[in-house]
Each structure stands twice: as structure tokens, then as C-alpha cells.
Amino acid sequence: MKKLVEVVHCDACAKKGEERDATTGLSVAGDSYDLCEEHGEKFRAYFEALFTAEMTVAQSA
């Protein structure tokens, strides 16, 4: 019995012509992205900062 293994590459790295294995996925409003650990962490930090800023603005209003 043979087993087919599909390697999924990071979409952000692919834009730079690099091939890095994707380790996480991101879905936003119907769009999905496969990301390596580094890009996954960058997006996590970006959203954390974005939502923290929005919460601060909402609380001060």
C-alpha cells in the first residue's frame, strides 16, 4: 500500500519565490492562506495589535 503525502507551502514565502512548509492556516472572510511558522506568528501579532488597539479605542469612547 502506498501513501500519498501532499506538501503544502507557505503562501507568503511563495510570493518571494521561496518554498517553506506551511504549518498553520489562516482564514479571513472566506479567504484561506497556508503559512509557515514565521508568517503565522507575524499575522498573529498583527491581529493581536489590531484588536488591542480597537478595544482601547472602543473602551475610551
N, C-alpha and C. Protein backbone atom coordinates (compact mmCIF):
# COMPACT_ATOMS: atom_id res chain seq x y z
N MET A 1 0.83 -1.17 0.00
CA MET A 1 0.00 0.00 0.00
C MET A 1 0.88 1.25 0.00
N LYS A 2 0.58 2.18 -0.88
CA LYS A 2 1.32 3.42 -0.97
C LYS A 2 0.53 4.53 -0.30
N LYS A 3 1.25 5.45 0.26
CA LYS A 3 0.62 6.59 0.93
C LYS A 3 1.07 7.86 0.23
N LEU A 4 0.10 8.67 -0.19
CA LEU A 4 0.39 9.93 -0.85
C LEU A 4 0.50 11.02 0.20
N VAL A 5 1.61 11.73 0.19
CA VAL A 5 1.83 12.83 1.14
C VAL A 5 1.90 14.11 0.34
N GLU A 6 1.03 15.04 0.68
CA GLU A 6 1.00 16.33 0.00
C GLU A 6 1.72 17.35 0.86
N VAL A 7 2.69 18.04 0.27
CA VAL A 7 3.40 19.10 0.98
C VAL A 7 2.75 20.42 0.60
N VAL A 8 2.35 21.17 1.61
CA VAL A 8 1.73 22.47 1.38
C VAL A 8 2.75 23.53 1.75
N HIS A 9 2.98 24.46 0.83
CA HIS A 9 3.96 25.52 1.05
C HIS A 9 3.29 26.80 1.53
N CYS A 10 4.05 27.60 2.23
CA CYS A 10 3.60 28.88 2.75
C CYS A 10 3.29 29.83 1.59
N ASP A 11 2.08 30.39 1.59
CA ASP A 11 1.68 31.31 0.53
C ASP A 11 2.52 32.59 0.55
N ALA A 12 2.84 33.09 1.74
CA ALA A 12 3.62 34.32 1.85
C ALA A 12 5.05 34.11 1.33
N CYS A 13 5.66 32.99 1.66
CA CYS A 13 7.01 32.69 1.17
C CYS A 13 7.01 32.49 -0.34
N ALA A 14 5.96 31.86 -0.86
CA ALA A 14 5.87 31.61 -2.30
C ALA A 14 5.88 32.91 -3.09
N LYS A 15 5.30 33.97 -2.51
CA LYS A 15 5.30 35.29 -3.18
C LYS A 15 6.72 35.81 -3.36
N LYS A 16 7.64 35.35 -2.49
CA LYS A 16 9.05 35.76 -2.57
C LYS A 16 9.89 34.74 -3.33
N GLY A 17 9.25 33.72 -3.90
CA GLY A 17 9.96 32.70 -4.65
C GLY A 17 10.60 31.64 -3.77
N GLU A 18 10.19 31.55 -2.51
CA GLU A 18 10.75 30.57 -1.59
C GLU A 18 9.75 29.44 -1.36
N GLU A 19 10.26 28.27 -0.98
CA GLU A 19 9.41 27.13 -0.66
C GLU A 19 9.65 26.72 0.78
N ARG A 20 8.74 27.08 1.66
CA ARG A 20 8.79 26.67 3.07
C ARG A 20 7.49 25.95 3.38
N ASP A 21 7.60 24.89 4.16
CA ASP A 21 6.41 24.13 4.53
C ASP A 21 5.46 24.98 5.36
N ALA A 22 4.19 24.90 5.02
CA ALA A 22 3.16 25.57 5.81
C ALA A 22 2.86 24.73 7.04
N THR A 23 2.72 25.39 8.17
CA THR A 23 2.42 24.68 9.41
C THR A 23 1.11 25.14 10.03
N THR A 24 0.52 26.20 9.47
CA THR A 24 -0.72 26.73 10.02
C THR A 24 -1.55 27.34 8.89
N GLY A 25 -2.81 27.53 9.17
CA GLY A 25 -3.70 28.14 8.19
C GLY A 25 -4.37 29.37 8.76
N LEU A 26 -4.73 30.28 7.89
CA LEU A 26 -5.42 31.50 8.29
C LEU A 26 -6.60 31.68 7.35
N SER A 27 -7.77 31.87 7.92
CA SER A 27 -8.97 32.13 7.12
C SER A 27 -9.57 33.45 7.56
N VAL A 28 -9.81 34.32 6.59
CA VAL A 28 -10.40 35.63 6.87
C VAL A 28 -11.46 35.92 5.82
N ALA A 29 -12.69 36.07 6.25
CA ALA A 29 -13.80 36.46 5.36
C ALA A 29 -13.85 35.62 4.08
N GLY A 30 -13.66 34.31 4.22
CA GLY A 30 -13.77 33.42 3.08
C GLY A 30 -12.48 33.17 2.33
N ASP A 31 -11.41 33.92 2.62
CA ASP A 31 -10.11 33.68 2.01
C ASP A 31 -9.27 32.82 2.96
N SER A 32 -8.53 31.86 2.39
CA SER A 32 -7.69 30.99 3.21
C SER A 32 -6.24 31.07 2.75
N TYR A 33 -5.33 31.03 3.73
CA TYR A 33 -3.90 31.11 3.45
C TYR A 33 -3.19 30.04 4.25
N ASP A 34 -2.19 29.43 3.63
CA ASP A 34 -1.32 28.47 4.30
C ASP A 34 -0.04 29.22 4.64
N LEU A 35 0.40 29.11 5.91
CA LEU A 35 1.54 29.90 6.37
C LEU A 35 2.56 29.05 7.11
N CYS A 36 3.83 29.43 6.97
CA CYS A 36 4.89 28.80 7.76
C CYS A 36 4.81 29.35 9.18
N GLU A 37 5.59 28.81 10.06
CA GLU A 37 5.55 29.24 11.47
C GLU A 37 5.88 30.73 11.60
N GLU A 38 6.88 31.20 10.87
CA GLU A 38 7.29 32.61 10.96
C GLU A 38 6.17 33.55 10.51
N HIS A 39 5.57 33.28 9.36
CA HIS A 39 4.49 34.14 8.88
C HIS A 39 3.23 34.00 9.72
N GLY A 40 2.97 32.81 10.22
CA GLY A 40 1.83 32.62 11.12
C GLY A 40 1.97 33.49 12.36
N GLU A 41 3.18 33.54 12.91
CA GLU A 41 3.43 34.36 14.10
C GLU A 41 3.30 35.86 13.77
N LYS A 42 3.76 36.27 12.60
CA LYS A 42 3.63 37.68 12.21
C LYS A 42 2.17 38.09 12.10
N PHE A 43 1.34 37.24 11.49
CA PHE A 43 -0.08 37.55 11.38
C PHE A 43 -0.76 37.53 12.74
N ARG A 44 -0.37 36.59 13.62
CA ARG A 44 -0.94 36.54 14.95
C ARG A 44 -0.64 37.84 15.70
N ALA A 45 0.61 38.29 15.63
CA ALA A 45 1.00 39.53 16.31
C ALA A 45 0.27 40.73 15.70
N TYR A 46 0.12 40.74 14.38
CA TYR A 46 -0.58 41.84 13.71
C TYR A 46 -2.03 41.92 14.18
N PHE A 47 -2.73 40.80 14.19
CA PHE A 47 -4.13 40.80 14.62
C PHE A 47 -4.26 41.12 16.10
N GLU A 48 -3.34 40.63 16.91
CA GLU A 48 -3.37 40.94 18.33
C GLU A 48 -3.24 42.46 18.53
N ALA A 49 -2.30 43.10 17.84
CA ALA A 49 -2.12 44.54 17.95
C ALA A 49 -3.34 45.29 17.40
N LEU A 50 -3.88 44.82 16.31
CA LEU A 50 -5.04 45.45 15.70
C LEU A 50 -6.24 45.40 16.64
N PHE A 51 -6.52 44.24 17.19
CA PHE A 51 -7.67 44.10 18.07
C PHE A 51 -7.46 44.79 19.40
N THR A 52 -6.24 44.82 19.90
CA THR A 52 -5.94 45.52 21.14
C THR A 52 -6.17 47.02 20.95
N ALA A 53 -5.72 47.56 19.82
CA ALA A 53 -5.91 48.98 19.52
C ALA A 53 -7.40 49.30 19.40
N GLU A 54 -8.16 48.44 18.73
CA GLU A 54 -9.60 48.67 18.58
C GLU A 54 -10.30 48.60 19.93
N MET A 55 -9.90 47.68 20.79
CA MET A 55 -10.52 47.55 22.11
C MET A 55 -10.24 48.80 22.93
N THR A 56 -9.02 49.33 22.85
CA THR A 56 -8.65 50.53 23.59
C THR A 56 -9.47 51.71 23.12
N VAL A 57 -9.64 51.87 21.81
CA VAL A 57 -10.44 52.96 21.25
C VAL A 57 -11.89 52.81 21.67
N ALA A 58 -12.43 51.60 21.60
CA ALA A 58 -13.83 51.36 21.95
C ALA A 58 -14.08 51.63 23.43
N GLN A 59 -13.14 51.27 24.28
CA GLN A 59 -13.32 51.48 25.72
C GLN A 59 -13.23 52.95 26.10
N SER A 60 -12.47 53.74 25.33
CA SER A 60 -12.33 55.15 25.66
C SER A 60 -13.48 55.99 25.14
N ALA A 61 -14.32 55.43 24.27
CA ALA A 61 -15.43 56.20 23.69
C ALA A 61 -16.59 56.34 24.63
